[in-house]
N, C-alpha and C. Protein backbone atom coordinates (compact mmCIF):
# COMPACT_ATOMS: atom_id res chain seq x y z
N MET A 1 12.44 3.71 0.64
CA MET A 1 11.02 3.86 -0.20
C MET A 1 10.14 4.89 -0.35
N ARG A 2 9.27 5.42 -1.21
CA ARG A 2 8.17 6.18 -1.17
C ARG A 2 7.28 5.92 -1.77
N ILE A 3 6.72 6.91 -1.49
CA ILE A 3 5.07 6.93 -0.93
C ILE A 3 4.07 7.97 -1.70
N THR A 4 3.93 7.95 -3.69
CA THR A 4 3.26 9.01 -3.75
C THR A 4 1.61 8.54 -3.84
N VAL A 5 1.07 10.40 -3.46
CA VAL A 5 -0.60 9.58 -4.42
C VAL A 5 -0.50 10.49 -4.91
N HIS A 6 -1.55 9.59 -6.33
CA HIS A 6 -2.47 10.22 -6.93
C HIS A 6 -2.78 10.24 -7.48
N ASP A 7 -3.65 10.36 -6.15
CA ASP A 7 -5.16 11.40 -6.04
C ASP A 7 -5.80 10.94 -4.80
N MET A 8 -6.62 11.97 -4.58
CA MET A 8 -7.56 12.26 -3.42
C MET A 8 -8.81 12.61 -3.88
N LEU A 9 -10.20 12.14 -3.58
CA LEU A 9 -11.23 12.44 -3.81
C LEU A 9 -11.26 13.03 -2.97
N GLN A 10 -12.82 13.77 -2.55
CA GLN A 10 -13.55 13.93 -1.00
C GLN A 10 -15.35 14.76 -1.49
N GLU A 11 -16.26 14.01 -0.78
CA GLU A 11 -17.31 14.35 -0.58
C GLU A 11 -17.52 14.85 1.02
N PRO A 12 -18.69 15.33 1.38
CA PRO A 12 -18.34 15.37 2.36
C PRO A 12 -18.84 14.33 3.32
N GLY A 13 -18.31 14.10 4.61
CA GLY A 13 -17.78 12.89 5.22
C GLY A 13 -17.40 11.65 4.89
N ARG A 14 -16.35 11.87 3.50
CA ARG A 14 -15.30 10.45 2.46
C ARG A 14 -14.20 11.28 2.61
N ILE A 15 -13.19 10.02 2.12
CA ILE A 15 -12.61 11.18 1.80
C ILE A 15 -11.74 9.35 0.83
N ALA A 16 -12.10 9.21 -0.08
CA ALA A 16 -11.28 8.36 -0.89
C ALA A 16 -9.67 8.38 -1.10
N VAL A 17 -8.33 8.01 -1.55
CA VAL A 17 -6.59 8.37 -1.82
C VAL A 17 -7.00 6.63 -1.98
N ARG A 18 -5.50 7.12 -3.57
CA ARG A 18 -5.13 6.31 -4.01
C ARG A 18 -3.74 6.79 -4.90
N ALA A 19 -2.98 5.15 -4.08
CA ALA A 19 -1.76 5.70 -4.15
C ALA A 19 -0.62 4.49 -4.53
N GLU A 20 0.99 5.10 -4.35
CA GLU A 20 1.46 4.05 -5.18
C GLU A 20 3.44 3.86 -4.29
N ILE A 21 3.43 2.67 -3.88
CA ILE A 21 4.94 2.49 -2.75
C ILE A 21 5.96 1.88 -3.99
N THR A 22 7.00 2.71 -3.06
CA THR A 22 8.05 2.38 -4.23
C THR A 22 8.76 1.95 -3.85
N GLY A 23 10.09 1.23 -4.41
CA GLY A 23 11.26 1.68 -3.90
C GLY A 23 12.50 -0.29 -3.64
N THR A 24 12.80 -0.56 -3.67
CA THR A 24 14.08 -1.52 -3.25
C THR A 24 14.44 -2.33 -2.63
N HIS A 25 14.05 -3.44 -2.82
CA HIS A 25 13.76 -4.32 -1.66
C HIS A 25 15.01 -5.03 -0.75
N ARG A 26 15.62 -4.59 -0.03
CA ARG A 26 17.31 -4.63 0.55
C ARG A 26 17.03 -5.31 2.28
N GLY A 27 15.69 -5.38 2.42
CA GLY A 27 15.73 -6.15 3.76
C GLY A 27 14.64 -7.38 3.70
N GLU A 28 14.06 -8.32 4.77
CA GLU A 28 13.04 -9.57 4.24
C GLU A 28 11.62 -8.74 4.74
N ILE A 29 10.98 -9.75 4.64
CA ILE A 29 9.60 -9.06 4.09
C ILE A 29 8.94 -10.03 4.44
N PHE A 30 7.87 -10.14 4.80
CA PHE A 30 7.54 -11.85 4.80
C PHE A 30 8.23 -12.60 5.10
N GLY A 31 9.19 -12.93 5.31
CA GLY A 31 9.93 -14.21 5.75
C GLY A 31 10.91 -14.48 4.38
N ILE A 32 10.41 -13.37 3.44
CA ILE A 32 11.48 -13.50 2.26
C ILE A 32 12.35 -12.58 1.74
N ALA A 33 13.44 -13.48 2.04
CA ALA A 33 15.05 -12.67 2.20
C ALA A 33 15.40 -11.20 1.32
N PRO A 34 16.17 -10.60 1.29
CA PRO A 34 16.28 -9.26 0.66
C PRO A 34 16.40 -9.75 -1.20
N THR A 35 15.96 -8.92 -1.99
CA THR A 35 16.10 -9.62 -3.66
C THR A 35 16.77 -8.79 -4.42
N GLY A 36 17.03 -7.41 -3.86
CA GLY A 36 17.44 -6.57 -4.37
C GLY A 36 16.92 -5.63 -5.45
N LYS A 37 15.75 -6.32 -5.78
CA LYS A 37 14.28 -5.69 -6.54
C LYS A 37 14.08 -4.16 -7.08
N HIS A 38 14.29 -3.97 -7.61
CA HIS A 38 13.11 -1.32 -7.43
C HIS A 38 11.48 -2.96 -8.38
N VAL A 39 10.61 -2.57 -6.49
CA VAL A 39 9.82 -2.61 -7.14
C VAL A 39 8.56 -1.56 -6.62
N SER A 40 7.02 -1.61 -7.07
CA SER A 40 6.64 -0.52 -6.74
C SER A 40 4.75 -0.91 -6.70
N PHE A 41 4.09 -1.15 -6.24
CA PHE A 41 2.37 -0.85 -5.97
C PHE A 41 1.79 -0.11 -5.50
N ARG A 42 0.02 -1.05 -5.66
CA ARG A 42 -1.01 0.26 -5.25
C ARG A 42 -1.34 -0.04 -3.74
N LEU A 43 -1.57 1.69 -3.32
CA LEU A 43 -2.28 0.92 -2.10
C LEU A 43 -3.74 2.18 -2.26
N HIS A 44 -4.72 1.95 -1.84
CA HIS A 44 -6.04 2.79 -1.63
C HIS A 44 -6.04 2.68 -0.34
N GLU A 45 -7.28 4.28 -0.38
CA GLU A 45 -7.61 3.71 1.07
C GLU A 45 -9.19 4.98 1.22
N PHE A 46 -9.99 4.32 2.13
CA PHE A 46 -11.44 5.03 1.90
C PHE A 46 -11.43 5.29 3.17
N HIS A 47 -11.63 6.77 3.63
CA HIS A 47 -11.91 7.25 4.71
C HIS A 47 -13.32 7.73 5.39
N THR A 48 -13.93 7.38 6.49
CA THR A 48 -15.24 8.64 6.88
C THR A 48 -14.88 9.12 8.00
N LEU A 49 -15.97 10.22 7.50
CA LEU A 49 -14.90 11.78 8.58
C LEU A 49 -16.55 12.02 9.56
N ASP A 50 -16.41 12.39 11.14
CA ASP A 50 -17.00 12.39 11.74
C ASP A 50 -16.48 14.19 11.66
N GLY A 51 -17.16 15.20 10.57
CA GLY A 51 -16.96 17.16 10.82
C GLY A 51 -15.13 16.77 10.67
N GLU A 52 -13.94 17.44 11.39
CA GLU A 52 -12.63 17.54 11.09
C GLU A 52 -12.55 16.13 11.53
N ARG A 53 -12.49 14.30 11.72
CA ARG A 53 -11.66 13.31 12.35
C ARG A 53 -12.27 12.05 11.63
N ILE A 54 -11.17 11.49 11.69
CA ILE A 54 -10.96 10.28 11.10
C ILE A 54 -12.69 9.73 11.83
N THR A 55 -13.10 8.57 11.14
CA THR A 55 -13.47 8.07 12.07
C THR A 55 -13.50 6.19 11.40
N THR A 56 -13.16 6.01 10.56
CA THR A 56 -12.94 4.69 10.02
C THR A 56 -12.91 5.04 9.05
N THR A 57 -11.38 3.62 8.90
CA THR A 57 -10.27 4.05 7.66
C THR A 57 -10.89 2.36 7.41
N TRP A 58 -10.23 2.04 5.50
CA TRP A 58 -9.98 1.07 4.76
C TRP A 58 -8.91 1.32 4.26
N HIS A 59 -8.34 0.06 4.78
CA HIS A 59 -7.14 0.18 3.56
C HIS A 59 -6.76 -1.50 2.39
N MET A 60 -5.99 -0.90 1.87
CA MET A 60 -5.78 -1.94 1.29
C MET A 60 -4.54 -2.16 0.16
N GLU A 61 -3.72 -2.32 -0.04
CA GLU A 61 -2.76 -2.67 -0.32
C GLU A 61 -2.15 -3.98 -1.65
N ASP A 62 -2.02 -3.81 -2.74
CA ASP A 62 -1.40 -4.70 -3.60
C ASP A 62 -0.77 -5.73 -2.97
N TRP A 63 0.04 -6.66 -1.83
CA TRP A 63 -0.26 -7.59 -2.15
C TRP A 63 0.72 -8.22 -2.87
N PHE A 64 -0.48 -9.35 -3.03
CA PHE A 64 0.02 -9.69 -4.81
C PHE A 64 0.77 -9.77 -5.87
N GLY A 65 0.74 -7.86 -6.26
CA GLY A 65 1.11 -7.39 -7.14
C GLY A 65 3.24 -7.71 -6.64
N LEU A 66 2.89 -7.52 -5.11
CA LEU A 66 4.80 -7.40 -5.15
C LEU A 66 4.99 -8.37 -5.06
N PHE A 67 4.42 -9.67 -4.62
CA PHE A 67 5.11 -11.33 -4.17
C PHE A 67 4.92 -11.48 -5.21
N LEU A 68 4.79 -11.17 -6.30
CA LEU A 68 4.35 -11.08 -8.27
C LEU A 68 6.27 -10.92 -8.68
N GLN A 69 6.99 -9.42 -8.43
CA GLN A 69 7.43 -8.83 -8.62
C GLN A 69 8.42 -9.61 -8.40
N LEU A 70 8.06 -9.75 -6.85
CA LEU A 70 9.63 -10.57 -6.14
C LEU A 70 9.74 -11.79 -6.28
N GLY A 71 8.90 -12.42 -7.25
CA GLY A 71 9.14 -13.89 -7.87
C GLY A 71 8.43 -14.92 -6.94
N GLN A 72 7.94 -14.61 -5.93
CA GLN A 72 8.00 -15.60 -4.54
C GLN A 72 7.00 -15.58 -3.93
N PHE A 73 6.32 -16.18 -3.17
CA PHE A 73 5.31 -15.83 -1.44
C PHE A 73 6.37 -16.03 -1.29
N PRO A 74 5.48 -15.08 0.15
CA PRO A 74 5.85 -16.04 1.76
C PRO A 74 6.41 -16.96 2.32
N PRO A 75 7.12 -17.61 3.02
CA PRO A 75 6.43 -18.92 3.52
C PRO A 75 5.29 -18.99 4.33
N GLN A 76 4.23 -20.26 4.75
CA GLN A 76 3.40 -20.64 4.80
C GLN A 76 3.96 -20.95 6.34
N ALA A 77 3.05 -20.48 7.22
CA ALA A 77 2.95 -20.49 9.30
C ALA A 77 2.98 -22.03 8.98
C-alpha cells in the first residue's frame, strides 16, 4: 500500500489534504476475498486547528471507487 499526497492547502486554523491510496488487493477487506487486482482510490481530509494542535478532522475515502475496481461490494450483514 502506498499513500501519495497530491495537495496540502493551509489557511489560519485549517488544513486540507488531497491524497491517493494505491496497492494490490492481497488480503480480505470488508469480507471481499483477495483479487490480486491493482487498485487506487482517493481520500480527502479537512482539519481544524487550535494553535498547533488538530482539534477536528473530517476524513473521506472513495470506498465506492475501490469496490468498482474490485468488481464487487461487501456482503451485507
